[in-house]
Amino acid sequence: MKITKELILQAFKNLVTAKEMTQVYEDNFKVVSKYVHATSRGHEVIQTALGMQLKAQDYLFPYYRDDAMLLSIGMTPYELMLQVLAKKEDPFSGGRTYYCHPSLRDDDKPKIPHQSSATGMQAIPATGVAMGFRYQEAEKLSSHLKGEAPVVVCSLGDASVTEGEIAEAFQMAALKQLPILYLVQDNGWDISANA
C-alpha cells in the first residue's frame, strides 16, 4: 500500500469519525443503546492502520471494541449505529446481536464470520480459517483466489490471552506458520477490572 496524501486524509477522517462516534455514544448511551457497548477509544490508530490494509479476500475476526476497524474497512457510521439501536436494517444481523459483533460477506470488504461473545473465542475459528487457507495452498485448491493470498486477522483484548484456547491458537499458528495476524490491544482493562 502506497502512502499518499489521500490515504492519510482518509485515515485521519476515520480517526475523527471513530472518536466522534465514541463521544456521541458515551454522551447518550442511557437513551439510545439497546446493548452493553465498549468503544474503540484509545485503539483508533492501530485499528485504522490495520483495517485500511485489508482486502476483500481477507478474513477479519474483530472483537467488541473494534468499531474503528469496522469503519476503516468501509462500514459507515450509519450502518454501525443501526446495530447499536437494534434496527432490522442492521447489515450484520438485522439488529439481533450485540453491537460490534458483526458478521459480513460483502464482495468489496473482508469477510467477517459470525462469532461468540465470550472474550477471545474468535481465536480458534480465526486460526481454523488460516489453517484452511494453508491447506488450500498446499493442495493447490486456491485457484479461485485471484491476486494476493488472503490473510486472517484476529483482534483480541490483552486480558483474553490468559484463556487457554488463545495459547493453543497462538501455538498452532506458529507451528504451522499460518497466514494469520493476531492484533492484541492493551487498554489496561479486562471487561470490568484492571488487566
N, C-alpha and C. Protein backbone atom coordinates (compact mmCIF):
# COMPACT_ATOMS: atom_id res chain seq x y z
N MET A 1 0.85 -1.17 0.00
CA MET A 1 0.00 0.00 0.00
C MET A 1 0.90 1.24 0.00
N LYS A 2 0.70 2.07 -0.98
CA LYS A 2 1.49 3.30 -1.09
C LYS A 2 0.84 4.40 -0.25
N ILE A 3 1.66 5.09 0.52
CA ILE A 3 1.15 6.16 1.37
C ILE A 3 1.05 7.43 0.53
N THR A 4 -0.17 7.92 0.38
CA THR A 4 -0.44 9.13 -0.38
C THR A 4 -1.15 10.14 0.51
N LYS A 5 -1.25 11.36 0.03
CA LYS A 5 -1.98 12.38 0.78
C LYS A 5 -3.44 11.96 0.97
N GLU A 6 -4.02 11.38 -0.07
CA GLU A 6 -5.41 10.94 0.01
C GLU A 6 -5.59 9.84 1.07
N LEU A 7 -4.62 8.93 1.13
CA LEU A 7 -4.68 7.86 2.12
C LEU A 7 -4.59 8.42 3.54
N ILE A 8 -3.68 9.37 3.73
CA ILE A 8 -3.53 9.99 5.05
C ILE A 8 -4.81 10.73 5.44
N LEU A 9 -5.40 11.45 4.50
CA LEU A 9 -6.65 12.15 4.79
C LEU A 9 -7.78 11.17 5.11
N GLN A 10 -7.83 10.06 4.38
CA GLN A 10 -8.85 9.04 4.65
C GLN A 10 -8.66 8.46 6.05
N ALA A 11 -7.41 8.18 6.42
CA ALA A 11 -7.13 7.65 7.76
C ALA A 11 -7.51 8.66 8.84
N PHE A 12 -7.16 9.92 8.62
CA PHE A 12 -7.49 10.96 9.60
C PHE A 12 -9.00 11.09 9.76
N LYS A 13 -9.71 11.06 8.65
CA LYS A 13 -11.18 11.13 8.70
C LYS A 13 -11.74 9.96 9.50
N ASN A 14 -11.17 8.78 9.31
CA ASN A 14 -11.62 7.60 10.05
C ASN A 14 -11.37 7.78 11.55
N LEU A 15 -10.20 8.31 11.90
CA LEU A 15 -9.88 8.52 13.32
C LEU A 15 -10.85 9.50 13.96
N VAL A 16 -11.10 10.61 13.27
CA VAL A 16 -12.00 11.63 13.80
C VAL A 16 -13.43 11.07 13.91
N THR A 17 -13.85 10.33 12.90
CA THR A 17 -15.19 9.74 12.91
C THR A 17 -15.34 8.77 14.07
N ALA A 18 -14.36 7.90 14.26
CA ALA A 18 -14.41 6.93 15.36
C ALA A 18 -14.46 7.64 16.70
N LYS A 19 -13.65 8.66 16.86
CA LYS A 19 -13.62 9.41 18.12
C LYS A 19 -14.96 10.11 18.37
N GLU A 20 -15.52 10.71 17.34
CA GLU A 20 -16.81 11.40 17.49
C GLU A 20 -17.94 10.40 17.78
N MET A 21 -17.91 9.26 17.12
CA MET A 21 -18.93 8.23 17.40
C MET A 21 -18.85 7.79 18.86
N THR A 22 -17.63 7.63 19.35
CA THR A 22 -17.44 7.25 20.75
C THR A 22 -18.02 8.31 21.67
N GLN A 23 -17.73 9.57 21.38
CA GLN A 23 -18.21 10.66 22.23
C GLN A 23 -19.74 10.74 22.22
N VAL A 24 -20.32 10.65 21.03
CA VAL A 24 -21.79 10.69 20.92
C VAL A 24 -22.40 9.52 21.70
N TYR A 25 -21.83 8.34 21.54
CA TYR A 25 -22.36 7.18 22.25
C TYR A 25 -22.24 7.38 23.76
N GLU A 26 -21.06 7.78 24.22
CA GLU A 26 -20.86 7.92 25.67
C GLU A 26 -21.73 9.01 26.27
N ASP A 27 -22.02 10.06 25.49
CA ASP A 27 -22.90 11.13 25.97
C ASP A 27 -24.36 10.71 26.01
N ASN A 28 -24.74 9.71 25.22
CA ASN A 28 -26.16 9.38 25.06
C ASN A 28 -26.51 7.92 25.31
N PHE A 29 -25.60 7.11 25.83
CA PHE A 29 -25.84 5.67 25.87
C PHE A 29 -27.07 5.27 26.67
N LYS A 30 -27.40 6.01 27.71
CA LYS A 30 -28.56 5.63 28.52
C LYS A 30 -29.87 5.80 27.76
N VAL A 31 -29.86 6.65 26.76
CA VAL A 31 -31.07 6.93 25.99
C VAL A 31 -31.19 6.02 24.78
N VAL A 32 -30.07 5.78 24.09
CA VAL A 32 -30.15 5.13 22.78
C VAL A 32 -29.70 3.68 22.71
N SER A 33 -28.83 3.25 23.59
CA SER A 33 -28.24 1.92 23.43
C SER A 33 -29.18 0.82 23.89
N LYS A 34 -29.28 -0.20 23.09
CA LYS A 34 -30.08 -1.37 23.44
C LYS A 34 -29.21 -2.45 24.10
N TYR A 35 -27.90 -2.33 23.98
CA TYR A 35 -26.98 -3.35 24.47
C TYR A 35 -25.83 -2.71 25.23
N VAL A 36 -25.09 -3.52 25.94
CA VAL A 36 -23.82 -3.10 26.50
C VAL A 36 -22.88 -2.83 25.34
N HIS A 37 -22.11 -1.78 25.42
CA HIS A 37 -21.23 -1.43 24.30
C HIS A 37 -19.92 -0.86 24.84
N ALA A 38 -18.81 -1.32 24.31
CA ALA A 38 -17.49 -0.76 24.62
C ALA A 38 -16.94 -0.18 23.32
N THR A 39 -16.43 1.01 23.38
CA THR A 39 -15.96 1.69 22.17
C THR A 39 -14.50 1.40 21.89
N SER A 40 -14.02 1.93 20.78
CA SER A 40 -12.61 1.75 20.40
C SER A 40 -11.72 2.84 20.97
N ARG A 41 -12.21 3.61 21.92
CA ARG A 41 -11.42 4.72 22.48
C ARG A 41 -10.01 4.26 22.84
N GLY A 42 -9.03 4.99 22.31
CA GLY A 42 -7.63 4.66 22.57
C GLY A 42 -7.03 3.66 21.61
N HIS A 43 -7.86 3.01 20.82
CA HIS A 43 -7.39 2.00 19.87
C HIS A 43 -7.59 2.43 18.41
N GLU A 44 -8.05 3.66 18.21
CA GLU A 44 -8.43 4.10 16.87
C GLU A 44 -7.29 4.01 15.86
N VAL A 45 -6.09 4.37 16.26
CA VAL A 45 -4.97 4.42 15.31
C VAL A 45 -4.58 3.03 14.82
N ILE A 46 -4.37 2.09 15.72
CA ILE A 46 -3.96 0.75 15.30
C ILE A 46 -5.07 0.07 14.50
N GLN A 47 -6.32 0.27 14.91
CA GLN A 47 -7.43 -0.34 14.18
C GLN A 47 -7.56 0.24 12.77
N THR A 48 -7.39 1.54 12.64
CA THR A 48 -7.47 2.17 11.32
C THR A 48 -6.31 1.73 10.45
N ALA A 49 -5.11 1.74 11.00
CA ALA A 49 -3.92 1.35 10.22
C ALA A 49 -4.05 -0.08 9.69
N LEU A 50 -4.52 -0.98 10.51
CA LEU A 50 -4.68 -2.37 10.08
C LEU A 50 -5.87 -2.54 9.14
N GLY A 51 -7.00 -2.00 9.52
CA GLY A 51 -8.21 -2.17 8.73
C GLY A 51 -8.09 -1.64 7.31
N MET A 52 -7.38 -0.54 7.13
CA MET A 52 -7.24 0.05 5.79
C MET A 52 -6.40 -0.82 4.86
N GLN A 53 -5.66 -1.75 5.41
CA GLN A 53 -4.82 -2.62 4.58
C GLN A 53 -5.52 -3.92 4.19
N LEU A 54 -6.65 -4.21 4.80
CA LEU A 54 -7.35 -5.46 4.49
C LEU A 54 -8.06 -5.35 3.15
N LYS A 55 -8.09 -6.49 2.46
CA LYS A 55 -8.72 -6.54 1.14
C LYS A 55 -9.91 -7.50 1.18
N ALA A 56 -10.64 -7.53 0.09
CA ALA A 56 -11.88 -8.32 0.04
C ALA A 56 -11.64 -9.81 0.24
N GLN A 57 -10.48 -10.34 -0.11
CA GLN A 57 -10.22 -11.77 0.05
C GLN A 57 -9.81 -12.14 1.48
N ASP A 58 -9.56 -11.15 2.32
CA ASP A 58 -9.11 -11.39 3.68
C ASP A 58 -10.28 -11.71 4.61
N TYR A 59 -9.93 -12.26 5.78
CA TYR A 59 -10.93 -12.56 6.80
C TYR A 59 -10.58 -11.79 8.06
N LEU A 60 -11.58 -11.21 8.68
CA LEU A 60 -11.40 -10.41 9.88
C LEU A 60 -12.26 -10.99 11.00
N PHE A 61 -11.62 -11.20 12.14
CA PHE A 61 -12.31 -11.66 13.35
C PHE A 61 -12.12 -10.57 14.41
N PRO A 62 -12.96 -9.53 14.38
CA PRO A 62 -12.80 -8.43 15.32
C PRO A 62 -13.30 -8.80 16.71
N TYR A 63 -12.94 -7.95 17.67
CA TYR A 63 -13.56 -8.12 18.99
C TYR A 63 -14.44 -6.92 19.27
N TYR A 64 -15.11 -6.93 20.37
CA TYR A 64 -16.21 -5.99 20.59
C TYR A 64 -15.80 -4.53 20.74
N ARG A 65 -14.53 -4.22 20.75
CA ARG A 65 -14.09 -2.82 20.80
C ARG A 65 -13.58 -2.33 19.45
N ASP A 66 -13.84 -3.03 18.39
CA ASP A 66 -13.21 -2.74 17.09
C ASP A 66 -14.06 -1.91 16.13
N ASP A 67 -14.84 -0.96 16.64
CA ASP A 67 -15.65 -0.18 15.72
C ASP A 67 -14.82 0.70 14.79
N ALA A 68 -13.65 1.19 15.22
CA ALA A 68 -12.79 1.97 14.32
C ALA A 68 -12.29 1.09 13.17
N MET A 69 -12.01 -0.18 13.45
CA MET A 69 -11.58 -1.08 12.38
C MET A 69 -12.73 -1.32 11.39
N LEU A 70 -13.94 -1.45 11.90
CA LEU A 70 -15.08 -1.64 11.01
C LEU A 70 -15.27 -0.42 10.11
N LEU A 71 -15.08 0.77 10.65
CA LEU A 71 -15.13 1.98 9.81
C LEU A 71 -14.04 1.94 8.74
N SER A 72 -12.85 1.49 9.13
CA SER A 72 -11.71 1.51 8.20
C SER A 72 -11.83 0.50 7.07
N ILE A 73 -12.68 -0.52 7.21
CA ILE A 73 -12.86 -1.46 6.09
C ILE A 73 -14.00 -1.01 5.18
N GLY A 74 -14.65 0.10 5.54
CA GLY A 74 -15.67 0.65 4.66
C GLY A 74 -17.08 0.68 5.19
N MET A 75 -17.27 0.27 6.44
CA MET A 75 -18.61 0.39 7.03
C MET A 75 -18.86 1.87 7.33
N THR A 76 -20.11 2.27 7.30
CA THR A 76 -20.43 3.67 7.57
C THR A 76 -20.89 3.83 9.02
N PRO A 77 -20.78 5.04 9.56
CA PRO A 77 -21.31 5.27 10.91
C PRO A 77 -22.79 4.90 11.00
N TYR A 78 -23.54 5.21 9.96
CA TYR A 78 -24.96 4.87 9.95
C TYR A 78 -25.17 3.36 10.09
N GLU A 79 -24.41 2.59 9.34
CA GLU A 79 -24.54 1.13 9.42
C GLU A 79 -24.20 0.62 10.81
N LEU A 80 -23.16 1.18 11.42
CA LEU A 80 -22.79 0.75 12.77
C LEU A 80 -23.84 1.16 13.80
N MET A 81 -24.43 2.33 13.62
CA MET A 81 -25.45 2.78 14.56
C MET A 81 -26.72 1.94 14.47
N LEU A 82 -27.00 1.38 13.30
CA LEU A 82 -28.16 0.50 13.18
C LEU A 82 -28.05 -0.68 14.14
N GLN A 83 -26.82 -1.15 14.37
CA GLN A 83 -26.65 -2.26 15.30
C GLN A 83 -26.79 -1.79 16.74
N VAL A 84 -26.24 -0.62 17.08
CA VAL A 84 -26.38 -0.09 18.44
C VAL A 84 -27.86 0.06 18.80
N LEU A 85 -28.64 0.48 17.82
CA LEU A 85 -30.06 0.72 18.07
C LEU A 85 -30.93 -0.51 17.83
N ALA A 86 -30.31 -1.64 17.51
CA ALA A 86 -31.02 -2.91 17.28
C ALA A 86 -32.10 -2.77 16.22
N LYS A 87 -31.73 -2.16 15.10
CA LYS A 87 -32.68 -1.95 14.00
C LYS A 87 -32.62 -3.12 13.01
N LYS A 88 -33.74 -3.42 12.40
CA LYS A 88 -33.79 -4.54 11.47
C LYS A 88 -32.92 -4.30 10.24
N GLU A 89 -32.57 -3.04 9.95
CA GLU A 89 -31.71 -2.73 8.80
C GLU A 89 -30.22 -2.94 9.11
N ASP A 90 -29.90 -3.30 10.35
CA ASP A 90 -28.51 -3.58 10.74
C ASP A 90 -27.90 -4.56 9.73
N PRO A 91 -26.79 -4.19 9.05
CA PRO A 91 -26.22 -5.04 8.00
C PRO A 91 -25.59 -6.33 8.50
N PHE A 92 -25.37 -6.43 9.80
CA PHE A 92 -24.70 -7.61 10.34
C PHE A 92 -25.68 -8.70 10.75
N SER A 93 -26.76 -8.32 11.43
CA SER A 93 -27.65 -9.36 11.97
C SER A 93 -29.11 -8.94 12.01
N GLY A 94 -29.45 -7.84 11.39
CA GLY A 94 -30.83 -7.39 11.47
C GLY A 94 -31.21 -6.95 12.87
N GLY A 95 -30.23 -6.47 13.63
CA GLY A 95 -30.49 -5.99 14.99
C GLY A 95 -30.59 -7.07 16.03
N ARG A 96 -30.12 -8.27 15.73
CA ARG A 96 -30.28 -9.39 16.66
C ARG A 96 -29.03 -9.73 17.47
N THR A 97 -27.93 -9.03 17.26
CA THR A 97 -26.73 -9.32 18.06
C THR A 97 -26.23 -8.05 18.73
N TYR A 98 -25.39 -8.24 19.74
CA TYR A 98 -24.78 -7.10 20.41
C TYR A 98 -23.99 -6.26 19.43
N TYR A 99 -23.81 -5.00 19.78
CA TYR A 99 -23.02 -4.10 18.95
C TYR A 99 -21.59 -4.62 18.83
N CYS A 100 -21.04 -4.41 17.66
CA CYS A 100 -19.67 -4.81 17.34
C CYS A 100 -19.48 -6.32 17.45
N HIS A 101 -20.53 -7.04 17.11
CA HIS A 101 -20.49 -8.49 16.93
C HIS A 101 -20.91 -8.74 15.48
N PRO A 102 -20.10 -8.27 14.55
CA PRO A 102 -20.53 -8.31 13.15
C PRO A 102 -20.34 -9.67 12.50
N SER A 103 -21.08 -9.87 11.46
CA SER A 103 -20.83 -10.95 10.51
C SER A 103 -21.14 -10.33 9.16
N LEU A 104 -20.25 -10.53 8.20
CA LEU A 104 -20.37 -9.78 6.95
C LEU A 104 -19.79 -10.58 5.80
N ARG A 105 -20.48 -10.53 4.68
CA ARG A 105 -19.98 -11.20 3.49
C ARG A 105 -20.21 -10.31 2.26
N ASP A 106 -19.78 -9.08 2.34
CA ASP A 106 -19.87 -8.15 1.21
C ASP A 106 -18.73 -8.45 0.24
N ASP A 107 -18.99 -8.30 -1.04
CA ASP A 107 -17.97 -8.60 -2.06
C ASP A 107 -16.76 -7.67 -1.99
N ASP A 108 -16.94 -6.45 -1.49
CA ASP A 108 -15.87 -5.46 -1.50
C ASP A 108 -15.18 -5.26 -0.15
N LYS A 109 -15.47 -6.11 0.81
CA LYS A 109 -14.89 -5.96 2.15
C LYS A 109 -14.35 -7.30 2.64
N PRO A 110 -13.45 -7.25 3.63
CA PRO A 110 -13.01 -8.52 4.23
C PRO A 110 -14.22 -9.28 4.78
N LYS A 111 -14.13 -10.58 4.76
CA LYS A 111 -15.22 -11.42 5.27
C LYS A 111 -15.13 -11.48 6.80
N ILE A 112 -16.27 -11.40 7.45
CA ILE A 112 -16.32 -11.45 8.91
C ILE A 112 -17.29 -12.55 9.31
N PRO A 113 -16.78 -13.74 9.68
CA PRO A 113 -17.68 -14.81 10.14
C PRO A 113 -18.33 -14.45 11.47
N HIS A 114 -19.50 -15.01 11.72
CA HIS A 114 -20.18 -14.78 13.00
C HIS A 114 -19.34 -15.37 14.13
N GLN A 115 -19.42 -14.76 15.28
CA GLN A 115 -18.60 -15.24 16.40
C GLN A 115 -19.32 -15.13 17.73
N SER A 116 -18.71 -15.72 18.71
CA SER A 116 -19.25 -15.75 20.07
C SER A 116 -18.95 -14.45 20.80
N SER A 117 -19.71 -14.19 21.85
CA SER A 117 -19.45 -13.03 22.69
C SER A 117 -18.38 -13.29 23.74
N ALA A 118 -18.08 -14.52 24.02
CA ALA A 118 -17.08 -14.83 25.05
C ALA A 118 -15.72 -14.27 24.63
N THR A 119 -15.04 -13.64 25.57
CA THR A 119 -13.78 -12.99 25.24
C THR A 119 -12.76 -13.99 24.71
N GLY A 120 -12.17 -13.63 23.60
CA GLY A 120 -11.13 -14.44 23.00
C GLY A 120 -11.60 -15.62 22.17
N MET A 121 -12.88 -15.88 22.15
CA MET A 121 -13.37 -17.08 21.45
C MET A 121 -13.20 -17.01 19.94
N GLN A 122 -12.86 -15.84 19.40
CA GLN A 122 -12.64 -15.75 17.95
C GLN A 122 -11.29 -16.31 17.54
N ALA A 123 -10.39 -16.55 18.48
CA ALA A 123 -9.04 -17.03 18.14
C ALA A 123 -9.05 -18.42 17.52
N ILE A 124 -9.86 -19.32 18.03
CA ILE A 124 -9.88 -20.69 17.48
C ILE A 124 -10.45 -20.71 16.06
N PRO A 125 -11.65 -20.15 15.80
CA PRO A 125 -12.12 -20.17 14.42
C PRO A 125 -11.25 -19.37 13.47
N ALA A 126 -10.66 -18.27 13.93
CA ALA A 126 -9.77 -17.49 13.07
C ALA A 126 -8.55 -18.32 12.67
N THR A 127 -8.00 -19.03 13.62
CA THR A 127 -6.85 -19.90 13.33
C THR A 127 -7.27 -21.03 12.40
N GLY A 128 -8.48 -21.53 12.58
CA GLY A 128 -9.01 -22.56 11.68
C GLY A 128 -9.14 -22.08 10.25
N VAL A 129 -9.59 -20.84 10.05
CA VAL A 129 -9.68 -20.28 8.70
C VAL A 129 -8.28 -20.18 8.09
N ALA A 130 -7.32 -19.73 8.89
CA ALA A 130 -5.93 -19.65 8.39
C ALA A 130 -5.40 -21.03 8.03
N MET A 131 -5.75 -22.05 8.84
CA MET A 131 -5.36 -23.43 8.50
C MET A 131 -6.00 -23.86 7.19
N GLY A 132 -7.24 -23.46 6.99
CA GLY A 132 -7.92 -23.78 5.74
C GLY A 132 -7.22 -23.16 4.54
N PHE A 133 -6.78 -21.92 4.68
CA PHE A 133 -6.03 -21.27 3.59
C PHE A 133 -4.73 -22.01 3.31
N ARG A 134 -4.05 -22.42 4.38
CA ARG A 134 -2.78 -23.15 4.21
C ARG A 134 -3.04 -24.48 3.51
N TYR A 135 -4.11 -25.17 3.88
CA TYR A 135 -4.48 -26.43 3.24
C TYR A 135 -4.79 -26.21 1.76
N GLN A 136 -5.59 -25.21 1.45
CA GLN A 136 -5.91 -24.92 0.05
C GLN A 136 -4.64 -24.67 -0.76
N GLU A 137 -3.73 -23.94 -0.16
CA GLU A 137 -2.46 -23.64 -0.83
C GLU A 137 -1.66 -24.92 -1.07
N ALA A 138 -1.55 -25.75 -0.05
CA ALA A 138 -0.78 -27.00 -0.16
C ALA A 138 -1.38 -27.96 -1.17
N GLU A 139 -2.69 -27.99 -1.24
CA GLU A 139 -3.38 -28.91 -2.16
C GLU A 139 -3.66 -28.27 -3.52
N LYS A 140 -3.16 -27.07 -3.70
CA LYS A 140 -3.37 -26.32 -4.95
C LYS A 140 -4.85 -26.16 -5.28
N LEU A 141 -5.62 -25.88 -4.24
CA LEU A 141 -7.06 -25.68 -4.39
C LEU A 141 -7.45 -24.21 -4.38
N SER A 142 -6.47 -23.34 -4.30
CA SER A 142 -6.77 -21.92 -4.12
C SER A 142 -6.83 -21.14 -5.42
N SER A 143 -7.12 -21.81 -6.53
CA SER A 143 -7.17 -21.13 -7.82
C SER A 143 -8.28 -20.08 -7.89
N HIS A 144 -9.31 -20.22 -7.05
CA HIS A 144 -10.38 -19.22 -7.06
C HIS A 144 -9.95 -17.92 -6.40
N LEU A 145 -8.82 -17.94 -5.69
CA LEU A 145 -8.31 -16.74 -5.04
C LEU A 145 -7.36 -16.03 -6.00
N LYS A 146 -7.85 -14.99 -6.63
CA LYS A 146 -7.03 -14.27 -7.61
C LYS A 146 -6.20 -13.21 -6.91
N GLY A 147 -4.99 -12.99 -7.42
CA GLY A 147 -4.16 -11.94 -6.85
C GLY A 147 -3.45 -12.39 -5.60
N GLU A 148 -3.37 -11.49 -4.64
CA GLU A 148 -2.65 -11.76 -3.41
C GLU A 148 -3.34 -12.84 -2.58
N ALA A 149 -2.53 -13.60 -1.87
CA ALA A 149 -3.08 -14.62 -0.97
C ALA A 149 -3.80 -13.93 0.18
N PRO A 150 -4.86 -14.53 0.67
CA PRO A 150 -5.61 -13.92 1.77
C PRO A 150 -4.86 -14.03 3.09
N VAL A 151 -5.20 -13.14 3.99
CA VAL A 151 -4.67 -13.16 5.34
C VAL A 151 -5.85 -13.12 6.30
N VAL A 152 -5.64 -13.67 7.48
CA VAL A 152 -6.66 -13.66 8.52
C VAL A 152 -6.17 -12.73 9.62
N VAL A 153 -7.06 -11.88 10.11
CA VAL A 153 -6.75 -11.00 11.24
C VAL A 153 -7.68 -11.37 12.39
N CYS A 154 -7.08 -11.62 13.54
CA CYS A 154 -7.84 -11.92 14.75
C CYS A 154 -7.49 -10.85 15.79
N SER A 155 -8.46 -10.06 16.16
CA SER A 155 -8.25 -8.98 17.11
C SER A 155 -8.71 -9.42 18.50
N LEU A 156 -7.89 -9.12 19.49
CA LEU A 156 -8.14 -9.56 20.86
C LEU A 156 -7.79 -8.45 21.85
N GLY A 157 -8.42 -8.49 23.00
CA GLY A 157 -8.00 -7.65 24.11
C GLY A 157 -6.91 -8.36 24.88
N ASP A 158 -6.04 -7.60 25.53
CA ASP A 158 -4.89 -8.20 26.21
C ASP A 158 -5.29 -9.18 27.30
N ALA A 159 -6.37 -8.92 28.00
CA ALA A 159 -6.77 -9.83 29.09
C ALA A 159 -7.24 -11.18 28.57
N SER A 160 -7.69 -11.23 27.32
CA SER A 160 -8.19 -12.51 26.78
C SER A 160 -7.07 -13.52 26.56
N VAL A 161 -5.84 -13.07 26.48
CA VAL A 161 -4.75 -14.02 26.21
C VAL A 161 -4.46 -14.92 27.41
N THR A 162 -5.12 -14.69 28.52
CA THR A 162 -4.97 -15.59 29.67
C THR A 162 -5.82 -16.85 29.51
N GLU A 163 -6.67 -16.87 28.50
CA GLU A 163 -7.51 -18.04 28.23
C GLU A 163 -6.69 -19.12 27.53
N GLY A 164 -6.89 -20.36 27.90
CA GLY A 164 -6.12 -21.47 27.35
C GLY A 164 -6.24 -21.62 25.85
N GLU A 165 -7.44 -21.41 25.31
CA GLU A 165 -7.62 -21.59 23.87
C GLU A 165 -6.85 -20.55 23.06
N ILE A 166 -6.57 -19.41 23.66
CA ILE A 166 -5.78 -18.39 22.94
C ILE A 166 -4.35 -18.90 22.78
N ALA A 167 -3.79 -19.45 23.85
CA ALA A 167 -2.44 -20.02 23.77
C ALA A 167 -2.38 -21.14 22.74
N GLU A 168 -3.41 -21.97 22.71
CA GLU A 168 -3.46 -23.05 21.73
C GLU A 168 -3.48 -22.50 20.30
N ALA A 169 -4.26 -21.45 20.08
CA ALA A 169 -4.33 -20.84 18.75
C ALA A 169 -2.97 -20.26 18.35
N PHE A 170 -2.34 -19.54 19.28
CA PHE A 170 -1.01 -18.96 19.00
C PHE A 170 -0.01 -20.06 18.64
N GLN A 171 -0.02 -21.14 19.43
CA GLN A 171 0.94 -22.23 19.21
C GLN A 171 0.72 -22.91 17.87
N MET A 172 -0.52 -23.16 17.50
CA MET A 172 -0.81 -23.80 16.22
C MET A 172 -0.40 -22.89 15.06
N ALA A 173 -0.68 -21.61 15.20
CA ALA A 173 -0.32 -20.67 14.13
C ALA A 173 1.20 -20.61 13.95
N ALA A 174 1.93 -20.62 15.06
CA ALA A 174 3.39 -20.59 14.97
C ALA A 174 3.93 -21.91 14.41
N LEU A 175 3.41 -23.02 14.90
CA LEU A 175 3.86 -24.34 14.46
C LEU A 175 3.65 -24.53 12.96
N LYS A 176 2.48 -24.15 12.48
CA LYS A 176 2.12 -24.37 11.07
C LYS A 176 2.43 -23.17 10.17
N GLN A 177 2.98 -22.09 10.77
CA GLN A 177 3.29 -20.87 10.01
C GLN A 177 2.08 -20.41 9.21
N LEU A 178 0.99 -20.20 9.90
CA LEU A 178 -0.28 -19.86 9.27
C LEU A 178 -0.35 -18.38 8.88
N PRO A 179 -1.12 -18.07 7.85
CA PRO A 179 -1.27 -16.68 7.40
C PRO A 179 -2.28 -15.91 8.27
N ILE A 180 -1.88 -15.68 9.53
CA ILE A 180 -2.77 -15.00 10.47
C ILE A 180 -1.99 -13.96 11.26
N LEU A 181 -2.66 -12.87 11.54
CA LEU A 181 -2.11 -11.82 12.37
C LEU A 181 -3.01 -11.68 13.59
N TYR A 182 -2.44 -11.81 14.76
CA TYR A 182 -3.19 -11.60 16.00
C TYR A 182 -2.89 -10.18 16.46
N LEU A 183 -3.90 -9.35 16.51
CA LEU A 183 -3.76 -7.98 17.00
C LEU A 183 -4.23 -7.98 18.45
N VAL A 184 -3.29 -7.86 19.38
CA VAL A 184 -3.63 -7.85 20.80
C VAL A 184 -3.55 -6.41 21.28
N GLN A 185 -4.70 -5.87 21.66
CA GLN A 185 -4.80 -4.47 22.06
C GLN A 185 -4.87 -4.37 23.57
N ASP A 186 -3.98 -3.56 24.14
CA ASP A 186 -3.89 -3.40 25.59
C ASP A 186 -4.41 -2.02 25.99
N ASN A 187 -5.54 -2.00 26.66
CA ASN A 187 -6.04 -0.73 27.18
C ASN A 187 -6.00 -0.71 28.71
N GLY A 188 -5.33 -1.68 29.30
CA GLY A 188 -5.19 -1.71 30.74
C GLY A 188 -6.40 -2.26 31.49
N TRP A 189 -7.41 -2.72 30.76
CA TRP A 189 -8.62 -3.21 31.40
C TRP A 189 -9.00 -4.59 30.90
N ASP A 190 -9.59 -5.34 31.79
CA ASP A 190 -10.31 -6.56 31.44
C ASP A 190 -11.75 -6.09 31.24
N ILE A 191 -12.71 -6.95 31.20
CA ILE A 191 -14.09 -6.48 30.99
C ILE A 191 -14.51 -5.49 32.07
N SER A 192 -14.20 -5.76 33.31
CA SER A 192 -14.62 -4.84 34.36
C SER A 192 -13.58 -4.68 35.46
N ALA A 193 -12.35 -5.02 35.17
CA ALA A 193 -11.29 -4.93 36.17
C ALA A 193 -9.97 -4.57 35.49
N ASN A 194 -9.01 -4.12 36.29
CA ASN A 194 -7.69 -3.85 35.73
C ASN A 194 -7.09 -5.13 35.19
N ALA A 195 -6.41 -5.02 34.05
CA ALA A 195 -5.77 -6.20 33.45
C ALA A 195 -4.30 -6.23 33.83
